[in-house]
Amino acid sequence: SVGGQEVQDSFSGHENARIVGLSYSKEGSEVASAANDGSLRLWSAKRGVEMARFEGHKDEISGVGFSPIAQEIMTMSGIDGTVRWWSALSGSEMRDRRESSIFVTCFDIDKAGVRVAGGGFDGSLAVWNPLTGEHLLRLGIEVEESEEGLQLERVTGTHDDAVSDCKWSPNDDRIASASHDSTIKIWNTTWANCVATLKGHNGPVNKVAWHEKSRLLASAGMDFTFRLWNVDSQRCCLECKEHGGAVNDVKWSNGSRFLFTAADDRSVRAWTVSHDPSKDECTVQPIALFAANDPMLSVAVSPVTVEDEITCGDSKGKIFMLQLLLPGEW
């Protein structure tokens, strides 16, 4: 074990490429990894061996995600403008299409697997049907009809810079978006309006993550901090400056018992989080540290294990499968 995180396996998944995204299958038996060279790999979460390679994207992949209802993997590239679906069973591409209305920088699939939220370089967000491509919502855009019968679009609340991440809330009634404009926005998924703008980061916000059982939201920033927010009160409950570099990713454990962060200081850290409702303040305690040789960029958490297994990726294409060990278990 290394600082409370046991290394289950490590391997070079993508040669000299940055790991831009990781995703577990619904059963937790496979992990998909995507890199900035357009490569996509599928790994056995138990054995750490490569199961398939997917070739199709010509440029950097913006994100990767397993479908929650099928053995399919979804990828997007904001550079080549394509959305692709891959079979995790056969390793082959199933279908693709070009998303012309938004140059996608990130995406997230809802719990039912019937809606995809995506953010773009221009600060806008949209929601669409992943099977038909039909646009269901355009967040922050109101469409009005003129006297001549023309449809006019009015921008009401988009980000001022590129969207770096977006995440559905646990019950899919909200979407949180992070942006290079240093803000986080909360969106109503019924009316497509922005209900809150969270300000506090001193630089681009890289990632956001919802707590499974509360309205707490975690964020990771280029300003070397991760923060915790009460979405209802729109208040920053915690600013943590323990990392020595940009915090690139943040994830809650299965059940939200722990918080994991990955940073440019070449570490992945695990934290316990407590929230005092009377003061609307949070405190964190570090419980584990994994020290690597290169900046750590991505973290994914197993959806089924009670041992809090995670997979993380670095800036040189290496992937690590870790298991959290609490004090007394080392």
C-alpha atoms as a PDB file:
ATOM      1  CA  SER A   1       0.000   0.000   0.000  1.00  0.00           C
ATOM      2  CA  VAL A   2       1.101   3.595  -0.611  1.00  0.00           C
ATOM      3  CA  GLY A   3      -0.135   6.122   1.942  1.00  0.00           C
ATOM      4  CA  GLY A   4      -3.393   4.279   2.507  1.00  0.00           C
ATOM      5  CA  GLN A   5      -4.165   3.422  -1.132  1.00  0.00           C
ATOM      6  CA  GLU A   6      -3.314  -0.135  -2.150  1.00  0.00           C
ATOM      7  CA  VAL A   7      -2.148  -0.438  -5.756  1.00  0.00           C
ATOM      8  CA  GLN A   8      -4.226  -3.234  -7.245  1.00  0.00           C
ATOM      9  CA  ASP A   9      -2.660  -2.830 -10.687  1.00  0.00           C
ATOM     10  CA  SER A  10      -0.918  -0.321 -12.929  1.00  0.00           C
ATOM     11  CA  PHE A  11      -0.241  -0.368 -16.640  1.00  0.00           C
ATOM     12  CA  SER A  12       0.637   1.834 -19.583  1.00  0.00           C
ATOM     13  CA  GLY A  13      -2.647   2.275 -21.378  1.00  0.00           C
ATOM     14  CA  HIS A  14      -1.929   5.056 -23.852  1.00  0.00           C
ATOM     15  CA  GLU A  15       1.682   5.752 -24.817  1.00  0.00           C
ATOM     16  CA  ASN A  16       2.727   9.314 -23.905  1.00  0.00           C
ATOM     17  CA  ALA A  17      -0.856  10.584 -24.027  1.00  0.00           C
ATOM     18  CA  ARG A  18      -2.890  12.421 -21.411  1.00  0.00           C
ATOM     19  CA  ILE A  19      -5.724  10.392 -19.857  1.00  0.00           C
ATOM     20  CA  VAL A  20      -8.675  12.758 -20.302  1.00  0.00           C
ATOM     21  CA  GLY A  21     -11.434  10.470 -19.021  1.00  0.00           C
ATOM     22  CA  LEU A  22     -12.229   7.191 -17.262  1.00  0.00           C
ATOM     23  CA  SER A  23     -15.558   5.398 -16.829  1.00  0.00           C
ATOM     24  CA  TYR A  24     -16.675   2.175 -15.142  1.00  0.00           C
ATOM     25  CA  SER A  25     -19.341  -0.091 -16.596  1.00  0.00           C
ATOM     26  CA  LYS A  26     -22.575  -0.403 -14.622  1.00  0.00           C
ATOM     27  CA  GLU A  27     -21.440  -3.744 -13.217  1.00  0.00           C
ATOM     28  CA  GLY A  28     -18.000  -2.371 -12.315  1.00  0.00           C
ATOM     29  CA  SER A  29     -16.257  -5.131 -14.244  1.00  0.00           C
ATOM     30  CA  GLU A  30     -14.769  -2.954 -17.015  1.00  0.00           C
ATOM     31  CA  VAL A  31     -13.117   0.433 -17.214  1.00  0.00           C
ATOM     32  CA  ALA A  32     -12.948   2.557 -20.365  1.00  0.00           C
ATOM     33  CA  SER A  33     -10.101   5.056 -20.750  1.00  0.00           C
ATOM     34  CA  ALA A  34      -9.836   7.904 -23.252  1.00  0.00           C
ATOM     35  CA  ALA A  35      -6.802   9.990 -24.171  1.00  0.00           C
ATOM     36  CA  ASN A  36      -5.982  13.240 -25.901  1.00  0.00           C
ATOM     37  CA  ASP A  37      -4.568  11.382 -28.931  1.00  0.00           C
ATOM     38  CA  GLY A  38      -8.054  10.091 -29.810  1.00  0.00           C
ATOM     39  CA  SER A  39      -7.449   6.588 -28.474  1.00  0.00           C
ATOM     40  CA  LEU A  40      -9.980   4.581 -26.464  1.00  0.00           C
ATOM     41  CA  ARG A  41      -9.230   1.404 -24.487  1.00  0.00           C
ATOM     42  CA  LEU A  42     -11.311  -1.078 -22.506  1.00  0.00           C
ATOM     43  CA  TRP A  43      -9.820  -2.824 -19.460  1.00  0.00           C
ATOM     44  CA  SER A  44     -10.818  -5.567 -17.074  1.00  0.00           C
ATOM     45  CA  ALA A  45     -11.267  -3.942 -13.668  1.00  0.00           C
ATOM     46  CA  LYS A  46     -10.444  -7.213 -11.933  1.00  0.00           C
ATOM     47  CA  ARG A  47      -7.405  -8.318 -13.912  1.00  0.00           C
ATOM     48  CA  GLY A  48      -6.083  -5.035 -15.256  1.00  0.00           C
ATOM     49  CA  VAL A  49      -5.663  -6.406 -18.773  1.00  0.00           C
ATOM     50  CA  GLU A  50      -6.637  -4.747 -22.020  1.00  0.00           C
ATOM     51  CA  MET A  51      -9.841  -6.157 -23.498  1.00  0.00           C
ATOM     52  CA  ALA A  52     -10.327  -3.975 -26.587  1.00  0.00           C
ATOM     53  CA  ARG A  53      -9.021  -1.023 -28.577  1.00  0.00           C
ATOM     54  CA  PHE A  54     -11.339   1.367 -30.385  1.00  0.00           C
ATOM     55  CA  GLU A  55     -10.203   3.414 -33.361  1.00  0.00           C
ATOM     56  CA  GLY A  56     -12.317   6.149 -34.908  1.00  0.00           C
ATOM     57  CA  HIS A  57     -11.704   9.579 -33.445  1.00  0.00           C
ATOM     58  CA  LYS A  58      -9.105  11.591 -35.313  1.00  0.00           C
ATOM     59  CA  ASP A  59      -8.430  14.090 -32.539  1.00  0.00           C
ATOM     60  CA  GLU A  60      -8.670  14.529 -28.769  1.00  0.00           C
ATOM     61  CA  ILE A  61     -11.623  12.863 -27.076  1.00  0.00           C
ATOM     62  CA  SER A  62     -13.646  15.274 -24.925  1.00  0.00           C
ATOM     63  CA  GLY A  63     -15.151  12.618 -22.667  1.00  0.00           C
ATOM     64  CA  VAL A  64     -16.063   8.979 -22.223  1.00  0.00           C
ATOM     65  CA  GLY A  65     -19.012   7.354 -20.460  1.00  0.00           C
ATOM     66  CA  PHE A  66     -20.651   3.949 -20.172  1.00  0.00           C
ATOM     67  CA  SER A  67     -24.363   3.818 -20.854  1.00  0.00           C
ATOM     68  CA  PRO A  68     -26.250   3.005 -17.629  1.00  0.00           C
ATOM     69  CA  ILE A  69     -28.703   0.759 -19.515  1.00  0.00           C
ATOM     70  CA  ALA A  70     -26.596  -1.091 -22.104  1.00  0.00           C
ATOM     71  CA  GLN A  71     -23.101  -2.411 -22.748  1.00  0.00           C
ATOM     72  CA  GLU A  72     -22.296   0.649 -24.805  1.00  0.00           C
ATOM     73  CA  ILE A  73     -19.585   3.285 -24.472  1.00  0.00           C
ATOM     74  CA  MET A  74     -20.180   6.850 -25.609  1.00  0.00           C
ATOM     75  CA  THR A  75     -17.371   9.198 -26.635  1.00  0.00           C
ATOM     76  CA  MET A  76     -17.264  12.737 -28.002  1.00  0.00           C
ATOM     77  CA  SER A  77     -14.637  14.912 -29.585  1.00  0.00           C
ATOM     78  CA  GLY A  78     -15.008  18.664 -29.743  1.00  0.00           C
ATOM     79  CA  ILE A  79     -12.185  18.779 -32.306  1.00  0.00           C
ATOM     80  CA  ASP A  80     -13.466  16.351 -34.932  1.00  0.00           C
ATOM     81  CA  GLY A  81     -17.085  17.177 -33.988  1.00  0.00           C
ATOM     82  CA  THR A  82     -18.295  13.581 -33.702  1.00  0.00           C
ATOM     83  CA  VAL A  83     -20.304  11.589 -31.188  1.00  0.00           C
ATOM     84  CA  ARG A  84     -19.612   7.849 -31.295  1.00  0.00           C
ATOM     85  CA  TRP A  85     -21.100   4.740 -29.687  1.00  0.00           C
ATOM     86  CA  TRP A  86     -19.070   1.580 -29.214  1.00  0.00           C
ATOM     87  CA  SER A  87     -20.015  -1.949 -28.236  1.00  0.00           C
ATOM     88  CA  ALA A  88     -18.230  -3.019 -25.058  1.00  0.00           C
ATOM     89  CA  LEU A  89     -18.980  -6.630 -26.025  1.00  0.00           C
ATOM     90  CA  SER A  90     -17.606  -6.710 -29.567  1.00  0.00           C
ATOM     91  CA  GLY A  91     -15.192  -3.782 -29.405  1.00  0.00           C
ATOM     92  CA  SER A  92     -16.641  -2.319 -32.594  1.00  0.00           C
ATOM     93  CA  GLU A  93     -18.159   1.051 -33.418  1.00  0.00           C
ATOM     94  CA  MET A  94     -21.949   0.889 -33.514  1.00  0.00           C
ATOM     95  CA  ARG A  95     -22.895   4.325 -34.830  1.00  0.00           C
ATOM     96  CA  ASP A  96     -21.684   7.915 -35.041  1.00  0.00           C
ATOM     97  CA  ARG A  97     -22.982  11.321 -35.922  1.00  0.00           C
ATOM     98  CA  ARG A  98     -21.698  14.851 -36.127  1.00  0.00           C
ATOM     99  CA  GLU A  99     -22.919  17.274 -33.474  1.00  0.00           C
ATOM    100  CA  SER A 100     -22.968  20.500 -35.469  1.00  0.00           C
ATOM    101  CA  SER A 101     -24.779  22.821 -33.065  1.00  0.00           C
ATOM    102  CA  ILE A 102     -22.152  22.745 -30.329  1.00  0.00           C
ATOM    103  CA  PHE A 103     -18.434  21.950 -30.332  1.00  0.00           C
ATOM    104  CA  VAL A 104     -18.578  19.567 -27.397  1.00  0.00           C
ATOM    105  CA  THR A 105     -16.001  19.835 -24.623  1.00  0.00           C
ATOM    106  CA  CYS A 106     -17.724  17.564 -22.074  1.00  0.00           C
ATOM    107  CA  PHE A 107     -20.832  15.450 -21.560  1.00  0.00           C
ATOM    108  CA  ASP A 108     -22.758  13.418 -19.001  1.00  0.00           C
ATOM    109  CA  ILE A 109     -25.474  10.775 -19.404  1.00  0.00           C
ATOM    110  CA  ASP A 110     -28.514  10.833 -17.093  1.00  0.00           C
ATOM    111  CA  LYS A 111     -29.390   7.887 -14.839  1.00  0.00           C
ATOM    112  CA  ALA A 112     -32.030   6.534 -17.246  1.00  0.00           C
ATOM    113  CA  GLY A 113     -29.669   6.668 -20.199  1.00  0.00           C
ATOM    114  CA  VAL A 114     -32.155   8.660 -22.318  1.00  0.00           C
ATOM    115  CA  ARG A 115     -30.672  12.177 -22.078  1.00  0.00           C
ATOM    116  CA  VAL A 116     -27.177  13.527 -22.614  1.00  0.00           C
ATOM    117  CA  ALA A 117     -26.037  16.935 -21.382  1.00  0.00           C
ATOM    118  CA  GLY A 118     -23.117  18.502 -23.193  1.00  0.00           C
ATOM    119  CA  GLY A 119     -21.117  21.701 -22.887  1.00  0.00           C
ATOM    120  CA  GLY A 120     -19.264  23.589 -25.590  1.00  0.00           C
ATOM    121  CA  PHE A 121     -16.340  25.859 -26.358  1.00  0.00           C
ATOM    122  CA  ASP A 122     -18.720  28.820 -26.645  1.00  0.00           C
ATOM    123  CA  GLY A 123     -20.017  28.470 -23.069  1.00  0.00           C
ATOM    124  CA  SER A 124     -23.365  26.985 -24.066  1.00  0.00           C
ATOM    125  CA  LEU A 125     -24.979  23.712 -22.967  1.00  0.00           C
ATOM    126  CA  ALA A 126     -27.552  21.463 -24.580  1.00  0.00           C
ATOM    127  CA  VAL A 127     -29.501  18.319 -23.750  1.00  0.00           C
ATOM    128  CA  TRP A 128     -30.350  15.775 -26.428  1.00  0.00           C
ATOM    129  CA  ASN A 129     -31.563  12.230 -27.009  1.00  0.00           C
ATOM    130  CA  PRO A 130     -28.481  10.016 -27.476  1.00  0.00           C
ATOM    131  CA  LEU A 131     -30.250   7.631 -29.857  1.00  0.00           C
ATOM    132  CA  THR A 132     -32.031  10.020 -32.195  1.00  0.00           C
ATOM    133  CA  GLY A 133     -29.895  13.131 -31.775  1.00  0.00           C
ATOM    134  CA  GLU A 134     -33.027  15.200 -31.140  1.00  0.00           C
ATOM    135  CA  HIS A 135     -32.323  18.349 -29.140  1.00  0.00           C
ATOM    136  CA  LEU A 136     -34.466  18.459 -26.022  1.00  0.00           C
ATOM    137  CA  LEU A 137     -33.135  21.594 -24.303  1.00  0.00           C
ATOM    138  CA  ARG A 138     -30.718  24.430 -24.919  1.00  0.00           C
ATOM    139  CA  LEU A 139     -29.673  25.732 -21.528  1.00  0.00           C
ATOM    140  CA  GLY A 140     -29.592  29.483 -21.134  1.00  0.00           C
ATOM    141  CA  ILE A 141     -31.219  30.100 -24.525  1.00  0.00           C
ATOM    142  CA  GLU A 142     -34.771  31.390 -24.824  1.00  0.00           C
ATOM    143  CA  VAL A 143     -36.532  31.071 -28.176  1.00  0.00           C
ATOM    144  CA  GLU A 144     -39.054  33.764 -29.007  1.00  0.00           C
ATOM    145  CA  GLU A 145     -41.239  34.165 -32.084  1.00  0.00           C
ATOM    146  CA  SER A 146     -41.249  37.512 -33.836  1.00  0.00           C
ATOM    147  CA  GLU A 147     -44.266  39.185 -35.353  1.00  0.00           C
ATOM    148  CA  GLU A 148     -43.077  37.921 -38.728  1.00  0.00           C
ATOM    149  CA  GLY A 149     -43.139  34.339 -37.457  1.00  0.00           C
ATOM    150  CA  LEU A 150     -39.361  34.037 -37.185  1.00  0.00           C
ATOM    151  CA  GLN A 151     -37.778  32.256 -34.229  1.00  0.00           C
ATOM    152  CA  LEU A 152     -35.357  34.491 -32.354  1.00  0.00           C
ATOM    153  CA  GLU A 153     -32.844  33.199 -29.807  1.00  0.00           C
ATOM    154  CA  ARG A 154     -32.064  35.235 -26.696  1.00  0.00           C
ATOM    155  CA  VAL A 155     -29.066  34.334 -24.537  1.00  0.00           C
ATOM    156  CA  THR A 156     -30.055  34.494 -20.864  1.00  0.00           C
ATOM    157  CA  GLY A 157     -27.347  32.809 -18.835  1.00  0.00           C
ATOM    158  CA  THR A 158     -24.625  30.901 -20.667  1.00  0.00           C
ATOM    159  CA  HIS A 159     -21.029  30.804 -19.486  1.00  0.00           C
ATOM    160  CA  ASP A 160     -18.596  33.477 -20.679  1.00  0.00           C
ATOM    161  CA  ASP A 161     -15.982  30.887 -21.637  1.00  0.00           C
ATOM    162  CA  ALA A 162     -15.693  27.196 -22.520  1.00  0.00           C
ATOM    163  CA  VAL A 163     -17.581  24.634 -20.438  1.00  0.00           C
ATOM    164  CA  SER A 164     -15.097  22.195 -18.898  1.00  0.00           C
ATOM    165  CA  ASP A 165     -17.512  19.781 -17.193  1.00  0.00           C
ATOM    166  CA  CYS A 166     -21.223  19.105 -16.651  1.00  0.00           C
ATOM    167  CA  LYS A 167     -22.964  16.646 -14.335  1.00  0.00           C
ATOM    168  CA  TRP A 168     -26.572  15.574 -13.745  1.00  0.00           C
ATOM    169  CA  SER A 169     -27.719  15.748 -10.120  1.00  0.00           C
ATOM    170  CA  PRO A 170     -28.599  12.465  -8.342  1.00  0.00           C
ATOM    171  CA  ASN A 171     -32.308  12.777  -9.214  1.00  0.00           C
ATOM    172  CA  ASP A 172     -31.644  14.362 -12.640  1.00  0.00           C
ATOM    173  CA  ASP A 173     -33.574  17.556 -11.831  1.00  0.00           C
ATOM    174  CA  ARG A 174     -30.494  19.773 -12.057  1.00  0.00           C
ATOM    175  CA  ILE A 175     -27.297  20.031 -14.103  1.00  0.00           C
ATOM    176  CA  ALA A 176     -24.110  21.549 -12.705  1.00  0.00           C
ATOM    177  CA  SER A 177     -21.673  23.029 -15.207  1.00  0.00           C
ATOM    178  CA  ALA A 178     -18.075  24.156 -14.658  1.00  0.00           C
ATOM    179  CA  SER A 179     -16.331  26.664 -16.881  1.00  0.00           C
ATOM    180  CA  HIS A 180     -13.070  28.364 -17.713  1.00  0.00           C
ATOM    181  CA  ASP A 181     -14.840  31.597 -16.704  1.00  0.00           C
ATOM    182  CA  SER A 182     -14.217  30.586 -13.029  1.00  0.00           C
ATOM    183  CA  THR A 183     -17.892  29.931 -12.276  1.00  0.00           C
ATOM    184  CA  ILE A 184     -20.220  27.003 -11.711  1.00  0.00           C
ATOM    185  CA  LYS A 185     -23.803  27.219 -12.879  1.00  0.00           C
ATOM    186  CA  ILE A 186     -26.806  25.183 -11.725  1.00  0.00           C
ATOM    187  CA  TRP A 187     -29.521  24.564 -14.323  1.00  0.00           C
ATOM    188  CA  ASN A 188     -33.167  23.548 -14.016  1.00  0.00           C
ATOM    189  CA  THR A 189     -33.660  20.632 -16.407  1.00  0.00           C
ATOM    190  CA  THR A 190     -37.367  21.333 -16.891  1.00  0.00           C
ATOM    191  CA  TRP A 191     -37.235  25.004 -17.860  1.00  0.00           C
ATOM    192  CA  ALA A 192     -33.591  25.136 -19.040  1.00  0.00           C
ATOM    193  CA  ASN A 193     -32.906  28.238 -16.935  1.00  0.00           C
ATOM    194  CA  CYS A 194     -29.927  28.973 -14.704  1.00  0.00           C
ATOM    195  CA  VAL A 195     -31.031  28.922 -11.055  1.00  0.00           C
ATOM    196  CA  ALA A 196     -27.658  29.697  -9.449  1.00  0.00           C
ATOM    197  CA  THR A 197     -24.172  30.903 -10.312  1.00  0.00           C
ATOM    198  CA  LEU A 198     -21.489  29.853  -7.824  1.00  0.00           C
ATOM    199  CA  LYS A 199     -18.444  32.137  -7.685  1.00  0.00           C
ATOM    200  CA  GLY A 200     -15.255  31.651  -5.706  1.00  0.00           C
ATOM    201  CA  HIS A 201     -12.592  29.913  -7.783  1.00  0.00           C
ATOM    202  CA  ASN A 202      -9.711  32.137  -8.929  1.00  0.00           C
ATOM    203  CA  GLY A 203      -9.312  30.547 -12.316  1.00  0.00           C
ATOM    204  CA  PRO A 204     -10.866  27.889 -14.542  1.00  0.00           C
ATOM    205  CA  VAL A 205     -13.009  25.245 -12.829  1.00  0.00           C
ATOM    206  CA  ASN A 206     -12.040  21.795 -14.107  1.00  0.00           C
ATOM    207  CA  LYS A 207     -14.618  19.369 -12.681  1.00  0.00           C
ATOM    208  CA  VAL A 208     -17.738  19.122 -10.531  1.00  0.00           C
ATOM    209  CA  ALA A 209     -19.293  16.208  -8.613  1.00  0.00           C
ATOM    210  CA  TRP A 210     -22.654  15.913  -6.815  1.00  0.00           C
ATOM    211  CA  HIS A 211     -22.961  14.280  -3.393  1.00  0.00           C
ATOM    212  CA  GLU A 212     -25.375  11.338  -3.748  1.00  0.00           C
ATOM    213  CA  LYS A 213     -27.525  12.131  -0.717  1.00  0.00           C
ATOM    214  CA  SER A 214     -27.438  15.904  -0.293  1.00  0.00           C
ATOM    215  CA  ARG A 215     -27.240  19.157  -2.202  1.00  0.00           C
ATOM    216  CA  LEU A 216     -23.469  19.362  -1.667  1.00  0.00           C
ATOM    217  CA  LEU A 217     -21.416  19.879  -4.815  1.00  0.00           C
ATOM    218  CA  ALA A 218     -17.646  19.426  -5.042  1.00  0.00           C
ATOM    219  CA  SER A 219     -15.526  21.349  -7.532  1.00  0.00           C
ATOM    220  CA  ALA A 220     -11.887  21.138  -8.648  1.00  0.00           C
ATOM    221  CA  GLY A 221      -9.990  24.158  -9.930  1.00  0.00           C
ATOM    222  CA  MET A 222      -6.845  25.378 -11.626  1.00  0.00           C
ATOM    223  CA  ASP A 223      -6.299  27.621  -8.567  1.00  0.00           C
ATOM    224  CA  PHE A 224      -4.877  24.625  -6.613  1.00  0.00           C
ATOM    225  CA  THR A 225      -8.112  24.265  -4.608  1.00  0.00           C
ATOM    226  CA  PHE A 226     -11.118  22.041  -4.383  1.00  0.00           C
ATOM    227  CA  ARG A 227     -14.302  23.449  -2.915  1.00  0.00           C
ATOM    228  CA  LEU A 228     -17.595  22.265  -1.469  1.00  0.00           C
ATOM    229  CA  TRP A 229     -20.820  24.150  -2.139  1.00  0.00           C
ATOM    230  CA  ASN A 230     -24.323  24.053  -0.703  1.00  0.00           C
ATOM    231  CA  VAL A 231     -26.370  24.357  -3.878  1.00  0.00           C
ATOM    232  CA  ASP A 232     -29.537  25.352  -1.993  1.00  0.00           C
ATOM    233  CA  SER A 233     -27.926  28.249  -0.101  1.00  0.00           C
ATOM    234  CA  GLN A 234     -25.500  28.950  -2.984  1.00  0.00           C
ATOM    235  CA  ARG A 235     -22.727  29.176  -0.416  1.00  0.00           C
ATOM    236  CA  CYS A 236     -19.146  27.901  -0.535  1.00  0.00           C
ATOM    237  CA  CYS A 237     -18.894  25.695   2.561  1.00  0.00           C
ATOM    238  CA  LEU A 238     -15.204  24.823   2.181  1.00  0.00           C
ATOM    239  CA  GLU A 239     -12.083  25.910   0.321  1.00  0.00           C
ATOM    240  CA  CYS A 240      -9.246  23.380   0.581  1.00  0.00           C
ATOM    241  CA  LYS A 241      -5.709  24.395  -0.456  1.00  0.00           C
ATOM    242  CA  GLU A 242      -3.854  21.208   0.468  1.00  0.00           C
ATOM    243  CA  HIS A 243      -2.835  20.317  -3.102  1.00  0.00           C
ATOM    244  CA  GLY A 244       0.378  21.789  -4.537  1.00  0.00           C
ATOM    245  CA  GLY A 245      -0.931  22.093  -8.079  1.00  0.00           C
ATOM    246  CA  ALA A 246      -4.051  22.411 -10.175  1.00  0.00           C
ATOM    247  CA  VAL A 247      -6.792  20.028  -9.042  1.00  0.00           C
ATOM    248  CA  ASN A 248      -7.836  18.222 -12.216  1.00  0.00           C
ATOM    249  CA  ASP A 249     -10.613  15.893 -11.059  1.00  0.00           C
ATOM    250  CA  VAL A 250     -12.914  15.260  -8.119  1.00  0.00           C
ATOM    251  CA  LYS A 251     -15.196  12.294  -7.423  1.00  0.00           C
ATOM    252  CA  TRP A 252     -17.331  11.065  -4.516  1.00  0.00           C
ATOM    253  CA  SER A 253     -16.985   7.435  -3.520  1.00  0.00           C
ATOM    254  CA  ASN A 254     -19.840   4.989  -3.978  1.00  0.00           C
ATOM    255  CA  GLY A 255     -22.334   6.184  -1.355  1.00  0.00           C
ATOM    256  CA  SER A 256     -20.441   9.499  -0.970  1.00  0.00           C
ATOM    257  CA  ARG A 257     -18.559   8.345   2.131  1.00  0.00           C
ATOM    258  CA  PHE A 258     -15.290   9.745   0.800  1.00  0.00           C
ATOM    259  CA  LEU A 259     -14.071  12.349  -1.667  1.00  0.00           C
ATOM    260  CA  PHE A 260     -11.215  11.687  -4.098  1.00  0.00           C
ATOM    261  CA  THR A 261      -9.126  14.405  -5.769  1.00  0.00           C
ATOM    262  CA  ALA A 262      -6.438  14.179  -8.475  1.00  0.00           C
ATOM    263  CA  ALA A 263      -3.947  16.973  -9.056  1.00  0.00           C
ATOM    264  CA  ASP A 264      -0.886  18.235 -10.897  1.00  0.00           C
ATOM    265  CA  ASP A 265       1.159  17.728  -7.720  1.00  0.00           C
ATOM    266  CA  ARG A 266       1.294  14.046  -8.808  1.00  0.00           C
ATOM    267  CA  SER A 267      -1.093  12.843  -6.146  1.00  0.00           C
ATOM    268  CA  VAL A 268      -4.514  11.316  -5.693  1.00  0.00           C
ATOM    269  CA  ARG A 269      -5.940  11.973  -2.246  1.00  0.00           C
ATOM    270  CA  ALA A 270      -8.904  10.647  -0.276  1.00  0.00           C
ATOM    271  CA  TRP A 271     -10.843  12.762   2.226  1.00  0.00           C
ATOM    272  CA  THR A 272     -13.638  12.367   4.721  1.00  0.00           C
ATOM    273  CA  VAL A 273     -16.212  15.168   4.602  1.00  0.00           C
ATOM    274  CA  SER A 274     -18.530  16.443   7.326  1.00  0.00           C
ATOM    275  CA  HIS A 275     -21.173  19.164   6.970  1.00  0.00           C
ATOM    276  CA  ASP A 276     -22.493  21.285   9.846  1.00  0.00           C
ATOM    277  CA  PRO A 277     -25.992  22.426   8.748  1.00  0.00           C
ATOM    278  CA  SER A 278     -26.273  24.987  11.569  1.00  0.00           C
ATOM    279  CA  LYS A 279     -23.239  26.898  10.252  1.00  0.00           C
ATOM    280  CA  ASP A 280     -23.504  25.666   6.668  1.00  0.00           C
ATOM    281  CA  GLU A 281     -19.817  24.788   6.796  1.00  0.00           C
ATOM    282  CA  CYS A 282     -17.847  21.707   5.790  1.00  0.00           C
ATOM    283  CA  THR A 283     -14.642  20.226   7.108  1.00  0.00           C
ATOM    284  CA  VAL A 284     -12.407  17.616   5.487  1.00  0.00           C
ATOM    285  CA  GLN A 285      -9.802  15.235   6.831  1.00  0.00           C
ATOM    286  CA  PRO A 286      -7.163  13.568   4.639  1.00  0.00           C
ATOM    287  CA  ILE A 287      -7.172   9.808   5.079  1.00  0.00           C
ATOM    288  CA  ALA A 288      -5.079   8.487   2.177  1.00  0.00           C
ATOM    289  CA  LEU A 289      -2.511   9.620  -0.361  1.00  0.00           C
ATOM    290  CA  PHE A 290      -1.272   7.979  -3.552  1.00  0.00           C
ATOM    291  CA  ALA A 291       1.946   9.559  -4.852  1.00  0.00           C
ATOM    292  CA  ALA A 292       2.757   9.070  -8.526  1.00  0.00           C
ATOM    293  CA  ASN A 293       5.601  10.165 -10.810  1.00  0.00           C
ATOM    294  CA  ASP A 294       3.553  12.408 -13.073  1.00  0.00           C
ATOM    295  CA  PRO A 295       0.551  14.771 -12.778  1.00  0.00           C
ATOM    296  CA  MET A 296      -2.701  12.918 -12.105  1.00  0.00           C
ATOM    297  CA  LEU A 297      -5.556  13.945 -14.381  1.00  0.00           C
ATOM    298  CA  SER A 298      -8.575  11.641 -14.006  1.00  0.00           C
ATOM    299  CA  VAL A 299     -10.351   9.545 -11.368  1.00  0.00           C
ATOM    300  CA  ALA A 300     -13.208   7.056 -11.684  1.00  0.00           C
ATOM    301  CA  VAL A 301     -14.891   5.245  -8.791  1.00  0.00           C
ATOM    302  CA  SER A 302     -16.253   1.705  -8.973  1.00  0.00           C
ATOM    303  CA  PRO A 303     -20.075   1.801  -8.768  1.00  0.00           C
ATOM    304  CA  VAL A 304     -20.498  -1.549  -7.017  1.00  0.00           C
ATOM    305  CA  THR A 305     -17.625  -2.293  -4.661  1.00  0.00           C
ATOM    306  CA  VAL A 306     -17.806  -1.570  -0.947  1.00  0.00           C
ATOM    307  CA  GLU A 307     -13.995  -1.477  -0.797  1.00  0.00           C
ATOM    308  CA  ASP A 308     -13.888   1.904  -2.562  1.00  0.00           C
ATOM    309  CA  GLU A 309     -11.855   0.854  -5.563  1.00  0.00           C
ATOM    310  CA  ILE A 310     -10.836   3.625  -7.930  1.00  0.00           C
ATOM    311  CA  THR A 311      -9.027   3.934 -11.242  1.00  0.00           C
ATOM    312  CA  CYS A 312      -6.929   6.987 -12.041  1.00  0.00           C
ATOM    313  CA  GLY A 313      -4.895   8.176 -15.011  1.00  0.00           C
ATOM    314  CA  ASP A 314      -1.879  10.447 -15.429  1.00  0.00           C
ATOM    315  CA  SER A 315      -0.351  12.789 -17.996  1.00  0.00           C
ATOM    316  CA  LYS A 316       1.875  10.107 -19.558  1.00  0.00           C
ATOM    317  CA  GLY A 317      -0.830   7.549 -20.369  1.00  0.00           C
ATOM    318  CA  LYS A 318      -0.413   5.384 -17.292  1.00  0.00           C
ATOM    319  CA  ILE A 319      -3.451   3.970 -15.463  1.00  0.00           C
ATOM    320  CA  PHE A 320      -3.580   2.873 -11.817  1.00  0.00           C
ATOM    321  CA  MET A 321      -6.214   0.727 -10.113  1.00  0.00           C
ATOM    322  CA  LEU A 322      -6.277   1.438  -6.385  1.00  0.00           C
ATOM    323  CA  GLN A 323      -8.157   0.303  -3.317  1.00  0.00           C
ATOM    324  CA  LEU A 324      -8.675   2.648  -0.382  1.00  0.00           C
ATOM    325  CA  LEU A 325      -7.338   1.322   2.912  1.00  0.00           C
ATOM    326  CA  LEU A 326      -8.450   3.129   6.049  1.00  0.00           C
ATOM    327  CA  PRO A 327      -6.102   3.588   9.029  1.00  0.00           C
ATOM    328  CA  GLY A 328      -5.804   0.253  10.809  1.00  0.00           C
ATOM    329  CA  GLU A 329      -6.285  -1.713   7.585  1.00  0.00           C
ATOM    330  CA  TRP A 330      -2.763  -1.160   6.184  1.00  0.00           C
END
